[in-house]
N, C-alpha and C. Protein backbone atom coordinates (compact mmCIF):
# COMPACT_ATOMS: atom_id res chain seq x y z
N MET A 1 -11.18 0.69 13.88
CA MET A 1 -10.80 1.13 12.53
C MET A 1 -11.59 0.24 11.44
N PRO A 2 -12.10 0.80 10.36
CA PRO A 2 -12.75 -0.02 9.42
C PRO A 2 -11.78 -0.97 8.68
N TRP A 3 -12.44 -1.90 7.91
CA TRP A 3 -11.64 -2.93 7.30
C TRP A 3 -10.78 -2.24 6.20
N ASN A 4 -11.24 -1.17 5.62
CA ASN A 4 -10.53 -0.55 4.48
C ASN A 4 -9.21 -0.05 4.96
N THR A 5 -9.17 0.49 6.16
CA THR A 5 -7.96 0.97 6.67
C THR A 5 -6.99 -0.18 7.00
N TRP A 6 -7.50 -1.23 7.52
CA TRP A 6 -6.61 -2.38 7.81
C TRP A 6 -6.05 -3.04 6.58
N LEU A 7 -6.82 -3.10 5.58
CA LEU A 7 -6.38 -3.57 4.33
C LEU A 7 -5.30 -2.80 3.60
N CYS A 8 -5.52 -1.37 3.61
CA CYS A 8 -4.47 -0.60 2.99
C CYS A 8 -3.19 -0.59 3.81
N LEU A 9 -3.32 -0.80 5.14
CA LEU A 9 -2.16 -0.85 6.05
C LEU A 9 -1.39 -2.19 5.78
N ALA A 10 -2.15 -3.32 5.56
CA ALA A 10 -1.50 -4.64 5.34
C ALA A 10 -0.78 -4.54 4.06
N LEU A 11 -1.47 -3.98 2.98
CA LEU A 11 -0.83 -3.99 1.63
C LEU A 11 0.45 -3.15 1.66
N ALA A 12 0.33 -2.06 2.38
CA ALA A 12 1.59 -1.18 2.39
C ALA A 12 2.68 -1.92 3.10
N VAL A 13 2.49 -2.55 4.25
CA VAL A 13 3.43 -3.34 4.94
C VAL A 13 4.01 -4.46 3.98
N LEU A 14 3.09 -5.18 3.26
CA LEU A 14 3.62 -6.16 2.32
C LEU A 14 4.40 -5.52 1.29
N GLY A 15 4.04 -4.38 0.79
CA GLY A 15 4.88 -3.71 -0.23
C GLY A 15 6.28 -3.45 0.28
N VAL A 16 6.39 -2.94 1.48
CA VAL A 16 7.77 -2.64 2.19
C VAL A 16 8.40 -3.92 2.32
N VAL A 17 7.85 -4.95 2.76
CA VAL A 17 8.50 -6.26 2.84
C VAL A 17 9.00 -6.80 1.60
N LEU A 18 8.21 -6.71 0.48
CA LEU A 18 8.60 -7.22 -0.84
C LEU A 18 9.77 -6.37 -1.40
N PHE A 19 9.74 -5.03 -1.12
CA PHE A 19 10.84 -4.13 -1.51
C PHE A 19 12.16 -4.56 -0.79
N LEU A 20 12.05 -4.79 0.45
CA LEU A 20 13.28 -5.17 1.23
C LEU A 20 13.83 -6.52 0.75
N TYR A 21 12.88 -7.54 0.59
CA TYR A 21 13.26 -8.80 0.02
C TYR A 21 13.98 -8.64 -1.32
N GLY A 22 13.44 -7.85 -2.17
CA GLY A 22 14.00 -7.71 -3.56
C GLY A 22 15.28 -6.96 -3.50
N ALA A 23 15.42 -6.06 -2.53
CA ALA A 23 16.79 -5.35 -2.40
C ALA A 23 17.76 -6.31 -1.82
N ASN A 24 17.35 -7.22 -0.95
CA ASN A 24 18.40 -8.13 -0.30
C ASN A 24 18.89 -9.19 -1.25
N TYR A 25 17.93 -9.71 -2.09
CA TYR A 25 18.35 -10.79 -2.96
C TYR A 25 18.55 -10.36 -4.37
N TYR A 26 18.63 -9.04 -4.60
CA TYR A 26 18.95 -8.50 -5.92
C TYR A 26 17.96 -8.94 -6.98
N ASP A 27 16.70 -8.89 -6.52
CA ASP A 27 15.53 -9.36 -7.49
C ASP A 27 14.77 -8.14 -7.72
N ALA A 28 15.05 -7.53 -9.01
CA ALA A 28 14.40 -6.24 -9.34
C ALA A 28 12.92 -6.26 -9.49
N VAL A 29 12.36 -7.38 -10.03
CA VAL A 29 10.93 -7.53 -10.25
C VAL A 29 10.23 -7.49 -8.92
N VAL A 30 10.76 -8.27 -7.94
CA VAL A 30 10.05 -8.27 -6.55
C VAL A 30 10.15 -6.88 -5.95
N GLY A 31 11.28 -6.29 -6.13
CA GLY A 31 11.49 -5.00 -5.44
C GLY A 31 10.58 -3.92 -6.02
N TRP A 32 10.45 -3.94 -7.28
CA TRP A 32 9.50 -2.89 -7.95
C TRP A 32 8.11 -3.23 -7.77
N ALA A 33 7.74 -4.49 -7.61
CA ALA A 33 6.41 -4.81 -7.26
C ALA A 33 5.98 -4.38 -5.81
N GLY A 34 7.01 -4.48 -5.01
CA GLY A 34 6.82 -3.99 -3.57
C GLY A 34 6.69 -2.44 -3.62
N VAL A 35 7.42 -1.75 -4.33
CA VAL A 35 7.26 -0.23 -4.44
C VAL A 35 5.85 0.10 -4.97
N PHE A 36 5.52 -0.57 -6.05
CA PHE A 36 4.17 -0.20 -6.65
C PHE A 36 3.09 -0.62 -5.73
N LEU A 37 3.23 -1.63 -5.03
CA LEU A 37 2.20 -2.17 -4.12
C LEU A 37 2.01 -1.19 -2.90
N PHE A 38 3.10 -0.67 -2.44
CA PHE A 38 3.14 0.27 -1.37
C PHE A 38 2.50 1.63 -1.80
N LEU A 39 2.91 2.04 -3.00
CA LEU A 39 2.30 3.35 -3.48
C LEU A 39 0.82 3.13 -3.82
N GLY A 40 0.34 2.04 -4.27
CA GLY A 40 -0.89 1.73 -4.64
C GLY A 40 -1.87 1.71 -3.36
N ALA A 41 -1.29 1.18 -2.17
CA ALA A 41 -1.98 1.15 -1.01
C ALA A 41 -2.14 2.47 -0.40
N VAL A 42 -1.04 3.41 -0.46
CA VAL A 42 -1.26 4.63 -0.02
C VAL A 42 -2.19 5.49 -0.84
N LEU A 43 -2.16 5.37 -2.11
CA LEU A 43 -3.05 5.96 -2.95
C LEU A 43 -4.48 5.52 -2.71
N ALA A 44 -4.68 4.32 -2.62
CA ALA A 44 -6.09 3.74 -2.35
C ALA A 44 -6.70 4.36 -0.97
N PHE A 45 -5.75 4.36 0.04
CA PHE A 45 -6.15 4.90 1.34
C PHE A 45 -6.58 6.41 1.15
N LEU A 46 -5.73 7.18 0.47
CA LEU A 46 -6.02 8.57 0.31
C LEU A 46 -7.28 8.86 -0.44
N ILE A 47 -7.57 8.03 -1.50
CA ILE A 47 -8.79 8.24 -2.32
C ILE A 47 -9.89 7.88 -1.42
N TRP A 48 -9.86 6.76 -0.71
CA TRP A 48 -11.01 6.34 0.25
C TRP A 48 -11.25 7.45 1.30
N TYR A 49 -10.15 7.99 1.84
CA TYR A 49 -10.35 8.85 2.88
C TYR A 49 -10.95 10.30 2.44
N ILE A 50 -10.45 10.64 1.28
CA ILE A 50 -11.11 11.86 0.70
C ILE A 50 -12.44 11.64 0.37
N TYR A 51 -12.89 10.62 -0.40
CA TYR A 51 -14.14 10.23 -0.71
C TYR A 51 -15.13 10.24 0.56
N SER A 52 -14.63 9.63 1.64
CA SER A 52 -15.57 9.51 2.80
C SER A 52 -15.80 10.93 3.45
N GLU A 53 -14.70 11.79 3.34
CA GLU A 53 -14.90 13.14 3.89
C GLU A 53 -15.75 13.96 3.09
N LEU A 54 -15.67 13.77 1.74
CA LEU A 54 -16.68 14.49 0.91
C LEU A 54 -18.02 14.14 0.90
N THR A 55 -18.30 12.94 1.18
CA THR A 55 -19.70 12.37 1.24
C THR A 55 -20.42 12.36 2.61
N ARG A 56 -19.55 12.76 3.60
CA ARG A 56 -20.05 12.77 4.90
C ARG A 56 -21.06 14.06 4.96
N ARG A 57 -22.12 14.00 5.78
CA ARG A 57 -23.09 15.06 5.93
C ARG A 57 -22.94 15.78 7.04
């Protein structure tokens, strides 16, 4: 797998971990940062995947 996929996967996992940490310790800022990091990683992966499919010959 390319490095882009690993990076998006690592950021998504980090987002989930931050969300769970924020939920466990009642820290809303960390929890929402985890949610947005997860969504950003999924969105970045989708954009990269669609772009690579459209530019393939």
